[in-house]
Amino acid sequence: MFELMANAFKRGLRGKHTHMDPLKALEGLTPENARMVPSKGTHSCWHILYHIVYWQELMLTAIKGEEVDWPKNNEESWPTNKLLERSKDWVKLVEKFENGLNEAENLTRTLESTEDLPAWPKVPPFAAFLVLAQHNSFHIGEIVATRQALGIWPPPDYKAMF
């Protein structure tokens, strides 16, 4: 049972059968266009990816059984515009996101426990992985919609899922 769940979460993290590969949604984004905000939007692709990585790191820390300093509000998980100034930081953010996906896939072995996570009360590992996959999926959809609104969609060599 746990092996089936682990495989399902791995597929969910990479978009298999539910949404596109999240890394594909980021392809072709330069630091310059990742900073752009649609005229009726509030966040850039950079803002959204920063938010994804922020929560992904906290959830992975909890899944590993480590102490987590959960934020008091969601505002802390969104970057200030000052954090969007250096182009090399965009590349590092994408790498951090990918590394987090890889780490999450490796951590699915913790699904053998049904005990609540010490740093996330009333949440066992399988539920934490579900939240992680759903959170990433929701915001990757926002990145796609933002790119569409900006006219920078689809990425190079894009092939539709269906």
Protein backbone atom coordinates (compact mmCIF):
# COMPACT_ATOMS: atom_id res chain seq x y z
CA MET A 1 0.00 0.00 0.00
CA PHE A 2 2.73 2.48 0.98
CA GLU A 3 4.66 1.70 -2.20
CA LEU A 4 1.60 2.51 -4.31
CA MET A 5 1.14 5.80 -2.45
CA ALA A 6 4.81 6.69 -2.82
CA ASN A 7 4.66 6.09 -6.57
CA ALA A 8 1.49 8.16 -6.85
CA PHE A 9 3.11 11.06 -4.99
CA LYS A 10 6.22 10.88 -7.16
CA ARG A 11 4.02 11.09 -10.27
CA GLY A 12 2.06 13.96 -8.71
CA LEU A 13 5.22 15.92 -7.97
CA ARG A 14 6.29 15.63 -11.62
CA GLY A 15 2.83 16.15 -13.10
CA LYS A 16 2.30 12.68 -14.47
CA HIS A 17 -1.43 12.18 -15.24
CA THR A 18 -2.55 15.36 -13.47
CA HIS A 19 -0.70 18.40 -14.81
CA MET A 20 2.39 19.23 -16.78
CA ASP A 21 5.88 18.64 -15.50
CA PRO A 22 6.50 21.67 -13.28
CA LEU A 23 10.00 22.13 -14.67
CA LYS A 24 8.57 22.28 -18.20
CA ALA A 25 6.35 25.17 -17.06
CA LEU A 26 9.51 27.11 -16.20
CA GLU A 27 11.40 26.40 -19.43
CA GLY A 28 12.29 29.41 -21.48
CA LEU A 29 11.69 31.87 -18.65
CA THR A 30 14.49 34.39 -18.45
CA PRO A 31 15.06 36.47 -15.33
CA GLU A 32 13.66 39.45 -17.23
CA ASN A 33 10.36 37.87 -18.24
CA ALA A 34 10.08 35.93 -14.95
CA ARG A 35 9.86 39.37 -13.25
CA MET A 36 7.01 40.58 -15.47
CA VAL A 37 3.54 40.96 -13.97
CA PRO A 38 0.44 40.82 -16.21
CA SER A 39 -1.52 44.08 -16.34
CA LYS A 40 -4.32 42.65 -14.19
CA GLY A 41 -2.08 40.42 -12.11
CA THR A 42 -0.45 40.74 -8.74
CA HIS A 43 2.41 38.28 -9.03
CA SER A 44 5.14 37.48 -11.49
CA CYS A 45 6.33 33.95 -12.25
CA TRP A 46 9.30 34.75 -10.02
CA HIS A 47 7.01 35.70 -7.11
CA ILE A 48 5.02 32.50 -7.54
CA LEU A 49 8.05 30.22 -7.78
CA TYR A 50 9.57 31.88 -4.71
CA HIS A 51 6.34 31.14 -2.82
CA ILE A 52 6.35 27.51 -4.01
CA VAL A 53 9.97 26.99 -2.93
CA TYR A 54 9.39 28.69 0.43
CA TRP A 55 6.59 26.27 1.36
CA GLN A 56 8.23 23.27 -0.31
CA GLU A 57 11.30 23.73 1.89
CA LEU A 58 9.21 24.00 5.07
CA MET A 59 7.16 20.93 4.20
CA LEU A 60 10.27 18.88 3.35
CA THR A 61 11.83 19.91 6.66
CA ALA A 62 8.73 18.68 8.49
CA ILE A 63 8.64 15.44 6.47
CA LYS A 64 12.26 14.80 7.48
CA GLY A 65 11.17 15.02 11.11
CA GLU A 66 13.05 18.24 11.79
CA GLU A 67 11.76 21.24 13.70
CA VAL A 68 9.95 23.83 11.57
CA ASP A 69 9.52 27.51 12.33
CA TRP A 70 6.15 27.89 10.61
CA PRO A 71 5.41 31.48 9.55
CA LYS A 72 2.79 33.45 11.43
CA ASN A 73 1.12 34.49 8.18
CA ASN A 74 1.32 33.76 4.47
CA GLU A 75 2.78 37.19 3.63
CA GLU A 76 6.23 35.97 4.69
CA SER A 77 6.18 33.45 1.85
CA TRP A 78 6.02 36.08 -0.90
CA PRO A 79 9.21 37.91 -1.94
CA THR A 80 9.76 41.61 -1.85
CA ASN A 81 10.68 43.19 -5.17
CA LYS A 82 14.22 43.68 -3.82
CA LEU A 83 14.65 39.89 -3.96
CA LEU A 84 13.92 39.94 -7.69
CA GLU A 85 16.82 42.16 -8.74
CA ARG A 86 19.69 39.81 -9.56
CA SER A 87 19.35 37.54 -12.57
CA LYS A 88 21.54 34.84 -11.04
CA ASP A 89 18.99 34.53 -8.23
CA TRP A 90 16.34 33.34 -10.71
CA VAL A 91 18.62 30.52 -11.87
CA LYS A 92 19.33 29.58 -8.24
CA LEU A 93 15.60 29.60 -7.42
CA VAL A 94 14.79 27.23 -10.30
CA GLU A 95 17.64 24.95 -9.17
CA LYS A 96 16.37 25.05 -5.58
CA PHE A 97 12.89 24.09 -6.80
CA GLU A 98 14.24 21.17 -8.82
CA ASN A 99 16.43 20.01 -5.94
CA GLY A 100 13.39 20.11 -3.68
CA LEU A 101 11.41 17.95 -6.10
CA ASN A 102 14.25 15.44 -6.17
CA GLU A 103 14.46 15.46 -2.39
CA ALA A 104 10.70 14.95 -2.09
CA GLU A 105 10.89 11.95 -4.40
CA ASN A 106 13.67 10.48 -2.26
CA LEU A 107 11.74 11.12 0.94
CA THR A 108 8.68 9.15 -0.15
CA ARG A 109 10.26 6.21 1.69
CA THR A 110 9.01 7.87 4.91
CA LEU A 111 5.50 6.88 3.88
CA GLU A 112 6.01 3.68 5.82
CA SER A 113 4.92 5.57 8.92
CA THR A 114 1.37 6.55 9.80
CA GLU A 115 2.54 8.55 12.81
CA ASP A 116 1.95 12.28 12.76
CA LEU A 117 5.00 14.36 11.90
CA PRO A 118 6.54 15.94 15.02
CA ALA A 119 6.70 19.40 13.43
CA TRP A 120 3.27 19.19 11.78
CA PRO A 121 0.63 18.12 14.28
CA LYS A 122 -2.12 15.82 13.04
CA VAL A 123 -0.34 15.35 9.70
CA PRO A 124 1.23 11.98 8.83
CA PRO A 125 3.81 11.80 6.03
CA PHE A 126 1.32 10.69 3.34
CA ALA A 127 -0.84 13.75 4.03
CA ALA A 128 2.19 16.04 3.95
CA PHE A 129 3.19 14.70 0.54
CA LEU A 130 -0.35 15.23 -0.71
CA VAL A 131 -0.33 18.85 0.49
CA LEU A 132 3.09 19.39 -1.10
CA ALA A 133 2.02 17.98 -4.48
CA GLN A 134 -1.27 19.89 -4.46
CA HIS A 135 0.35 23.18 -3.43
CA ASN A 136 2.99 22.91 -6.14
CA SER A 137 0.40 21.91 -8.74
CA PHE A 138 -1.91 24.82 -7.93
CA HIS A 139 0.87 27.39 -8.20
CA ILE A 140 2.45 25.85 -11.29
CA GLY A 141 -0.97 26.39 -12.88
CA GLU A 142 -0.70 30.04 -11.87
CA ILE A 143 2.71 30.26 -13.53
CA VAL A 144 1.25 28.85 -16.75
CA ALA A 145 -1.67 31.31 -16.59
CA THR A 146 0.72 34.19 -15.91
CA ARG A 147 2.87 33.20 -18.87
CA GLN A 148 -0.22 32.98 -21.06
CA ALA A 149 -1.34 36.46 -19.97
CA LEU A 150 2.13 37.81 -20.74
CA GLY A 151 2.26 36.14 -24.15
CA ILE A 152 5.30 34.01 -23.22
CA TRP A 153 3.57 30.65 -23.46
CA PRO A 154 4.17 27.92 -24.52
CA PRO A 155 7.79 27.17 -23.65
CA PRO A 156 10.17 26.05 -26.39
CA ASP A 157 9.54 22.54 -27.72
CA TYR A 158 6.25 22.33 -25.81
CA LYS A 159 4.09 19.36 -26.59
CA ALA A 160 0.61 19.35 -25.11
CA MET A 161 -0.18 16.57 -22.68
CA PHE A 162 -3.33 15.59 -24.56
